Protein backbone atom coordinates (compact mmCIF):
# COMPACT_ATOMS: atom_id res chain seq x y z
CA UNK A 1 -4.89 -31.27 -6.76
CA UNK A 2 -5.98 -27.65 -6.27
CA UNK A 3 -3.38 -25.12 -5.11
CA UNK A 4 -4.26 -21.47 -4.42
CA UNK A 5 -1.45 -18.97 -5.00
CA UNK A 6 -1.95 -15.65 -3.16
CA UNK A 7 1.22 -13.56 -3.38
CA UNK A 8 1.94 -9.97 -2.40
CA UNK A 9 4.31 -7.96 -4.59
CA UNK A 10 8.08 -8.25 -4.30
CA UNK A 11 8.70 -4.50 -4.24
CA UNK A 12 11.00 -3.27 -6.97
CA UNK A 13 11.03 -6.68 -8.54
CA UNK A 14 7.67 -8.38 -9.20
CA UNK A 15 4.10 -7.15 -8.94
CA UNK A 16 1.55 -9.30 -7.11
CA UNK A 17 0.33 -10.68 -10.45
CA UNK A 18 3.87 -11.42 -11.62
CA UNK A 19 4.72 -13.18 -8.34
CA UNK A 20 1.56 -15.30 -8.61
CA UNK A 21 2.42 -16.18 -12.21
CA UNK A 22 5.99 -17.11 -11.26
CA UNK A 23 4.74 -19.53 -8.60
CA UNK A 24 1.97 -20.95 -10.79
CA UNK A 25 4.29 -21.50 -13.77
CA UNK A 26 6.85 -23.19 -11.56
CA UNK A 27 4.18 -25.47 -10.08
CA UNK A 28 2.81 -26.45 -13.48
CA UNK A 29 6.32 -27.23 -14.70
CA UNK A 30 7.01 -29.39 -11.64
CA UNK A 31 3.56 -30.87 -10.99
CA UNK A 32 1.72 -30.77 -14.36
CA UNK A 33 -1.42 -32.34 -12.93
CA UNK A 34 -2.08 -29.62 -10.36
CA UNK A 35 -4.75 -26.94 -10.75
CA UNK A 36 -3.38 -23.50 -9.84
CA UNK A 37 -5.71 -20.67 -8.86
CA UNK A 38 -3.88 -17.33 -8.71
CA UNK A 39 -5.18 -14.54 -6.50
CA UNK A 40 -2.85 -11.51 -6.27
CA UNK A 41 -3.11 -9.56 -3.00
CA UNK A 42 -1.87 -6.18 -1.83
CA UNK A 43 -1.68 -4.13 1.36
CA UNK A 44 -2.80 -0.98 -0.44
CA UNK A 45 0.43 -0.12 -2.23
CA UNK A 46 1.66 -0.70 -5.77
CA UNK A 47 -0.59 -3.14 -7.61
CA UNK A 48 -3.58 -2.62 -5.30
CA UNK A 49 -6.12 -1.91 -8.05
CA UNK A 50 -4.99 -4.87 -10.15
CA UNK A 51 -5.94 -7.29 -7.36
CA UNK A 52 -9.69 -6.70 -7.67
CA UNK A 53 -11.40 -9.27 -9.85
CA UNK A 54 -14.27 -8.31 -12.16
CA UNK A 55 -13.38 -4.61 -12.08
CA UNK A 56 -13.39 -2.04 -14.87
CA UNK A 57 -10.70 0.61 -15.15
CA UNK A 58 -10.23 4.16 -16.38
CA UNK A 59 -6.99 6.08 -16.80
CA UNK A 60 -6.97 9.84 -16.23
CA UNK A 61 -4.32 12.55 -16.14
CA UNK A 62 -3.58 13.86 -12.64
CA UNK A 63 -0.94 15.92 -10.92
CA UNK A 64 2.24 13.87 -10.53
CA UNK A 65 4.46 13.26 -7.51
CA UNK A 66 6.12 16.68 -7.82
CA UNK A 67 4.72 20.18 -8.21
CA UNK A 68 3.99 21.16 -11.82
CA UNK A 69 4.18 17.59 -13.13
CA UNK A 70 1.47 15.28 -14.43
CA UNK A 71 1.09 11.54 -14.72
CA UNK A 72 -1.50 9.01 -15.87
CA UNK A 73 -3.32 7.25 -13.04
CA UNK A 74 -5.59 4.23 -13.37
CA UNK A 75 -8.68 3.87 -11.20
CA UNK A 76 -10.67 0.64 -10.86
CA UNK A 77 -14.44 0.41 -10.36
CA UNK A 78 -16.52 -2.38 -8.86
CA UNK A 79 -20.17 -2.78 -7.76
CA UNK A 80 -21.45 -1.55 -11.12
CA UNK A 81 -19.37 1.59 -10.79
CA UNK A 82 -20.63 2.56 -7.35
CA UNK A 83 -17.26 1.84 -5.71
CA UNK A 84 -13.95 3.33 -6.84
CA UNK A 85 -10.64 1.67 -6.06
CA UNK A 86 -7.92 4.33 -5.79
CA UNK A 87 -4.24 3.47 -5.51
CA UNK A 88 -2.36 6.49 -4.16
CA UNK A 89 0.88 5.18 -5.65
CA UNK A 90 -0.63 5.67 -9.11
CA UNK A 91 -0.29 9.43 -8.60
CA UNK A 92 2.67 9.78 -6.25
CA UNK A 93 4.31 6.37 -5.91
CA UNK A 94 7.97 5.58 -5.40
CA UNK A 95 7.99 3.66 -8.67
CA UNK A 96 7.25 6.88 -10.57
CA UNK A 97 10.57 8.42 -9.48
CA UNK A 98 14.08 7.08 -9.95
CA UNK A 99 15.89 6.65 -6.61
CA UNK A 100 18.33 9.48 -7.33
CA UNK A 101 15.49 11.97 -7.89
CA UNK A 102 13.30 11.24 -4.88
CA UNK A 103 12.71 14.39 -2.85
CA UNK A 104 10.28 14.52 0.06
CA UNK A 105 10.56 18.29 0.24
CA UNK A 106 9.09 18.80 -3.23
CA UNK A 107 6.71 15.84 -3.48
CA UNK A 108 2.94 16.18 -3.18
CA UNK A 109 -0.21 14.08 -2.87
CA UNK A 110 -2.20 16.48 -5.08
CA UNK A 111 -2.87 13.72 -7.63
CA UNK A 112 -4.67 11.62 -5.00
CA UNK A 113 -7.11 14.48 -4.54
CA UNK A 114 -7.54 14.68 -8.32
CA UNK A 115 -8.59 11.03 -8.38
CA UNK A 116 -11.04 11.46 -5.50
CA UNK A 117 -12.61 14.47 -7.21
CA UNK A 118 -12.95 12.55 -10.48
CA UNK A 119 -14.68 9.64 -8.74
CA UNK A 120 -17.07 11.96 -6.91
CA UNK A 121 -17.99 13.73 -10.15
CA UNK A 122 -18.51 10.32 -11.77
CA UNK A 123 -21.13 9.55 -9.13
CA UNK A 124 -19.28 6.98 -7.01
CA UNK A 125 -20.86 6.36 -3.63
CA UNK A 126 -17.82 4.76 -2.06
CA UNK A 127 -14.05 4.92 -2.44
CA UNK A 128 -11.50 2.36 -1.26
CA UNK A 129 -8.14 4.13 -1.15
CA UNK A 130 -4.82 2.30 -0.85
CA UNK A 131 -2.07 4.31 0.84
CA UNK A 132 1.06 2.22 0.36
CA UNK A 133 4.17 2.94 -1.67
CA UNK A 134 4.03 6.73 -1.87
CA UNK A 135 7.08 8.95 -2.38
CA UNK A 136 5.57 11.78 -0.36
CA UNK A 137 5.55 13.44 3.04
CA UNK A 138 3.17 16.37 2.83
CA UNK A 139 0.71 15.23 5.54
CA UNK A 140 -1.96 14.99 2.85
CA UNK A 141 -1.94 18.75 2.19
CA UNK A 142 -1.62 18.18 -1.56
CA UNK A 143 -4.67 15.93 -1.58
CA UNK A 144 -6.64 18.50 0.41
CA UNK A 145 -5.50 21.35 -1.84
CA UNK A 146 -6.79 19.46 -4.89
CA UNK A 147 -10.19 19.33 -3.17
CA UNK A 148 -10.28 23.08 -2.64
CA UNK A 149 -8.67 23.59 0.77
CA UNK A 150 -6.47 26.70 1.00
CA UNK A 151 -3.43 26.95 3.22
CA UNK A 152 -2.15 30.34 4.41
CA UNK A 153 1.00 31.41 6.25
CA UNK A 154 1.14 33.79 9.23
CA UNK A 155 0.99 36.79 6.88
CA UNK A 156 -2.10 35.48 5.14
CA UNK A 157 -0.27 34.50 1.93
CA UNK A 158 -1.17 31.30 0.11
CA UNK A 159 1.06 28.30 0.83
CA UNK A 160 1.47 25.73 -1.96
CA UNK A 161 1.10 22.20 -0.62
CA UNK A 162 4.28 20.09 -0.64
CA UNK A 163 6.65 18.62 1.90
CA UNK A 164 8.88 21.64 2.46
CA UNK A 165 5.89 23.94 3.06
CA UNK A 166 4.09 22.00 5.79
CA UNK A 167 5.69 24.00 8.57
CA UNK A 168 4.76 27.34 6.98
CA UNK A 169 1.01 26.71 7.30
CA UNK A 170 -0.62 28.89 9.98
CA UNK A 171 -4.24 28.90 8.84
CA UNK A 172 -6.55 26.54 6.96
CA UNK A 173 -9.52 27.71 4.87
CA UNK A 174 -12.18 25.04 4.45
CA UNK A 175 -13.55 23.89 1.11
CA UNK A 176 -17.24 23.44 0.20
CA UNK A 177 -16.19 20.72 -2.27
CA UNK A 178 -14.34 18.78 0.42
CA UNK A 179 -17.30 19.12 2.78
CA UNK A 180 -19.67 17.73 0.14
CA UNK A 181 -17.39 14.82 -0.80
CA UNK A 182 -16.58 13.88 2.79
CA UNK A 183 -20.29 13.73 3.67
CA UNK A 184 -21.60 12.07 0.51
CA UNK A 185 -18.92 9.46 -0.24
CA UNK A 186 -18.03 6.59 2.09
CA UNK A 187 -14.25 6.28 2.33
CA UNK A 188 -12.36 3.17 3.36
CA UNK A 189 -8.59 3.43 3.73
CA UNK A 190 -6.52 0.35 2.91
CA UNK A 191 -3.27 0.35 4.86
CA UNK A 192 -1.29 -1.94 7.11
CA UNK A 193 0.62 0.97 8.71
CA UNK A 194 -0.22 1.75 12.33
CA UNK A 195 2.38 4.49 12.92
CA UNK A 196 1.37 7.84 14.43
CA UNK A 197 2.05 11.03 12.51
CA UNK A 198 5.05 12.35 14.45
CA UNK A 199 7.85 11.26 16.77
CA UNK A 200 10.38 8.45 16.64
CA UNK A 201 7.77 6.01 15.32
CA UNK A 202 6.14 8.62 13.08
CA UNK A 203 6.04 8.96 9.31
CA UNK A 204 9.19 11.00 8.74
CA UNK A 205 11.46 9.18 11.18
CA UNK A 206 10.42 5.65 10.18
CA UNK A 207 9.84 6.02 6.44
CA UNK A 208 11.60 9.25 5.44
CA UNK A 209 15.00 7.75 4.80
CA UNK A 210 13.43 4.89 2.83
CA UNK A 211 12.03 7.58 0.53
CA UNK A 212 15.36 9.32 -0.05
CA UNK A 213 15.53 11.82 2.82
CA UNK A 214 18.61 12.31 4.97
CA UNK A 215 18.19 11.99 8.73
CA UNK A 216 18.44 15.78 9.01
CA UNK A 217 15.61 16.27 6.49
CA UNK A 218 13.53 13.62 8.26
CA UNK A 219 13.99 15.46 11.56
CA UNK A 220 12.99 18.81 10.04
CA UNK A 221 9.95 17.23 8.37
CA UNK A 222 8.91 15.65 11.65
CA UNK A 223 9.01 19.02 13.43
CA UNK A 224 7.20 20.78 10.56
CA UNK A 225 4.54 18.07 10.52
CA UNK A 226 4.04 18.46 14.27
CA UNK A 227 3.45 22.19 13.81
CA UNK A 228 0.95 21.50 11.01
CA UNK A 229 -0.93 18.94 13.13
CA UNK A 230 -1.32 21.59 15.84
CA UNK A 231 -2.85 23.98 13.29
CA UNK A 232 -5.27 21.24 12.21
CA UNK A 233 -6.17 20.48 15.83
CA UNK A 234 -6.85 24.17 16.55
CA UNK A 235 -8.95 24.42 13.38
CA UNK A 236 -11.03 21.27 13.75
CA UNK A 237 -10.95 20.94 17.55
CA UNK A 238 -9.80 17.37 17.25
CA UNK A 239 -6.34 15.81 17.15
CA UNK A 240 -5.63 12.68 15.12
CA UNK A 241 -1.83 12.95 15.13
CA UNK A 242 -1.46 9.98 17.49
CA UNK A 243 -4.21 7.86 15.95
CA UNK A 244 -2.80 4.59 14.54
CA UNK A 245 -2.45 4.97 10.78
CA UNK A 246 -1.97 8.75 10.83
CA UNK A 247 1.62 8.24 9.68
CA UNK A 248 0.66 6.19 6.62
CA UNK A 249 1.86 7.52 3.24
CA UNK A 250 3.81 10.43 4.69
CA UNK A 251 0.87 11.67 6.75
CA UNK A 252 -1.77 11.17 4.08
CA UNK A 253 -3.49 8.91 6.60
CA UNK A 254 -3.63 11.85 9.02
CA UNK A 255 -5.41 14.04 6.48
CA UNK A 256 -8.04 11.39 5.84
CA UNK A 257 -8.60 10.87 9.56
CA UNK A 258 -8.93 14.61 10.20
CA UNK A 259 -10.99 15.71 7.20
CA UNK A 260 -13.01 12.64 6.19
CA UNK A 261 -15.34 10.26 7.94
CA UNK A 262 -13.34 7.18 7.06
CA UNK A 263 -12.46 3.73 8.31
CA UNK A 264 -9.02 2.13 8.18
CA UNK A 265 -8.81 -1.53 7.20
CA UNK A 266 -6.03 -3.91 6.22
CA UNK A 267 -5.70 -3.92 2.44
CA UNK A 268 -5.39 -7.70 2.39
CA UNK A 269 -8.73 -8.15 4.17
CA UNK A 270 -10.47 -5.80 1.73
CA UNK A 271 -9.17 -7.68 -1.31
CA UNK A 272 -9.74 -11.15 0.12
CA UNK A 273 -13.34 -10.31 0.98
CA UNK A 274 -14.04 -8.55 -2.33
CA UNK A 275 -12.69 -11.56 -4.26
CA UNK A 276 -14.49 -14.12 -2.05
CA UNK A 277 -11.24 -15.74 -1.01
CA UNK A 278 -12.86 -18.03 1.56
CA UNK A 279 -15.10 -19.52 -1.13
CA UNK A 280 -12.20 -19.84 -3.58
CA UNK A 281 -10.00 -21.87 -1.24
CA UNK A 282 -12.62 -24.50 -0.41
CA UNK A 283 -11.29 -27.90 -1.43
CA UNK A 284 -7.73 -26.65 -1.89
CA UNK A 285 -4.83 -28.94 -1.00
CA UNK A 286 -2.48 -26.05 -0.25
CA UNK A 287 -2.22 -22.25 -0.21
CA UNK A 288 1.05 -20.56 -1.14
CA UNK A 289 1.67 -16.97 -0.13
CA UNK A 290 4.69 -14.69 0.12
CA UNK A 291 6.13 -11.18 -0.03
CA UNK A 292 9.38 -9.38 -0.74
CA UNK A 293 10.73 -9.91 2.76
CA UNK A 294 9.20 -11.67 5.76
CA UNK A 295 10.26 -10.75 9.28
CA UNK A 296 8.75 -10.20 12.71
CA UNK A 297 6.34 -7.58 11.35
CA UNK A 298 4.82 -10.16 9.00
CA UNK A 299 3.14 -11.90 11.93
CA UNK A 300 1.64 -8.61 13.12
CA UNK A 301 -1.15 -8.61 10.54
CA UNK A 302 0.58 -8.34 7.17
CA UNK A 303 -0.68 -10.21 4.11
CA UNK A 304 0.89 -13.66 4.76
CA UNK A 305 -0.57 -13.58 8.26
CA UNK A 306 -4.04 -12.78 6.89
CA UNK A 307 -3.71 -15.67 4.42
CA UNK A 308 -2.52 -18.05 7.15
CA UNK A 309 -5.48 -17.17 9.37
CA UNK A 310 -7.96 -18.05 6.63
CA UNK A 311 -6.07 -21.20 5.65
CA UNK A 312 -6.11 -22.51 9.22
CA UNK A 313 -9.80 -21.67 9.54
CA UNK A 314 -10.46 -24.04 6.63
CA UNK A 315 -7.86 -26.63 7.67
CA UNK A 316 -5.72 -26.03 4.57
CA UNK A 317 -1.89 -26.21 4.78
CA UNK A 318 -0.22 -22.86 4.09
CA UNK A 319 3.26 -22.26 2.65
CA UNK A 320 5.35 -19.07 2.82
CA UNK A 321 7.82 -18.30 0.01
CA UNK A 322 9.34 -14.83 0.28
CA UNK A 323 12.26 -13.05 -1.32
CA UNK A 324 14.07 -12.81 1.99
CA UNK A 325 13.23 -14.18 5.40
CA UNK A 326 14.45 -13.79 8.96
CA UNK A 327 13.83 -16.58 11.46
CA UNK A 328 11.94 -19.15 9.35
CA UNK A 329 11.35 -21.10 12.56
CA UNK A 330 8.97 -18.39 13.79
CA UNK A 331 6.77 -18.84 10.75
CA UNK A 332 6.66 -22.59 11.27
CA UNK A 333 5.69 -22.02 14.89
CA UNK A 334 2.96 -19.63 13.70
CA UNK A 335 1.40 -22.40 11.63
CA UNK A 336 2.96 -22.44 8.16
CA UNK A 337 3.88 -25.99 7.16
CA UNK A 338 6.83 -24.70 5.12
CA UNK A 339 8.63 -21.35 5.09
CA UNK A 340 11.67 -20.41 3.03
CA UNK A 341 13.44 -17.53 1.32
CA UNK A 342 13.69 -17.95 -2.43
CA UNK A 343 16.94 -15.96 -2.63
CA UNK A 344 20.14 -17.97 -2.11
CA UNK A 345 22.05 -16.76 0.94
CA UNK A 346 25.13 -15.87 -1.11
CA UNK A 347 23.25 -13.76 -3.67
CA UNK A 348 23.56 -9.96 -3.51
CA UNK A 349 20.33 -7.96 -3.20
CA UNK A 350 21.00 -5.98 -6.39
CA UNK A 351 21.10 -9.27 -8.29
CA UNK A 352 18.17 -10.84 -6.43
CA UNK A 353 15.74 -8.04 -7.31
CA UNK A 354 16.27 -8.39 -11.05
CA UNK A 355 12.93 -9.75 -12.33
CA UNK A 356 14.46 -12.56 -14.39
CA UNK A 357 16.63 -13.64 -11.47
CA UNK A 358 13.73 -13.53 -9.02
CA UNK A 359 11.57 -15.68 -11.29
CA UNK A 360 14.38 -18.21 -11.66
CA UNK A 361 14.85 -18.25 -7.87
CA UNK A 362 11.12 -18.79 -7.47
CA UNK A 363 11.19 -21.73 -9.84
CA UNK A 364 14.02 -23.33 -7.85
CA UNK A 365 12.23 -22.64 -4.56
CA UNK A 366 9.00 -24.24 -5.80
CA UNK A 367 10.92 -27.31 -7.00
CA UNK A 368 12.44 -27.63 -3.51
CA UNK A 369 9.02 -27.18 -1.94
CA UNK A 370 7.57 -29.98 -4.10
CA UNK A 371 10.40 -32.34 -3.18
CA UNK A 372 10.19 -31.63 0.53
CA UNK A 373 6.39 -31.72 0.88
CA UNK A 374 5.73 -34.62 -1.50
CA UNK A 375 3.25 -32.69 -3.62
């Protein structure tokens, strides 16, 4: 019996690889005769680079999530080094900052630009850039600054790129380096976010408070970002502020749309195609997928939905095991043969996200799955 395990990360708890291992270990303990094939998947956030099979990696020092800080960021390479896999969260991810120190006003995407520059200088012809899990809202100004773009205020003074300075920008000076990179390197953006840059469904209002901002700060960032997008539109004679995906990663998506010739794709599709998922699942008896929490948005193109689509195409039963779940019935109606939350209803979230507890819950959930599906 061949079972394919394709799990997304359980944010703050288990990486994609750890979630796949938890399921695989539980299956082997319950059904020793089964063959488990683990394939971690990601939407472009934390763990994105680790999901690419047969890649090589390099770790470099880049600017960190705050001004005047540094961090080590790992970049993966595939296609004999021609393609770089960049995970924005490596430079400015939420996991790099403790919750009590997150600050959207001071955070920057400068390190993402450092990684792009390094890959260009290395000779990469293509970059796949994951945008998920960042602790920033600087509309990509930090990334652009790292590639030579200069931002000036109304008096002509230099503006340092970070969240609190977005609204001060009145003029943008182009960069020869950025022009060269944007025309010589194909860029694919991995993201499952379709939000616009500004407004009630924009980056600051939807994701700001999740990244530590108060509602008041989110409102001020939204207004500052709107002003910046107007400056960009007047400079480039094109406006991407309402383009789906512009609000990804605190507006980093907007900067890529405005200053690069890039394409947005779902991170799951990129990984599944790169790892030849459709070939891997041939002959499988079951596919198990899952994520930290499954809700209505899951069926709007997130990873479990992408897995389900491929499973149904091949006539393979698909199972959904997630940390939390609202309306399991909807997932059964969508086509999963089994859908359940691994966290007991009475368990507090702070306890459920402890790695050891989550792995134990996964083991129990897999045992229940085996009993109820007669594996």
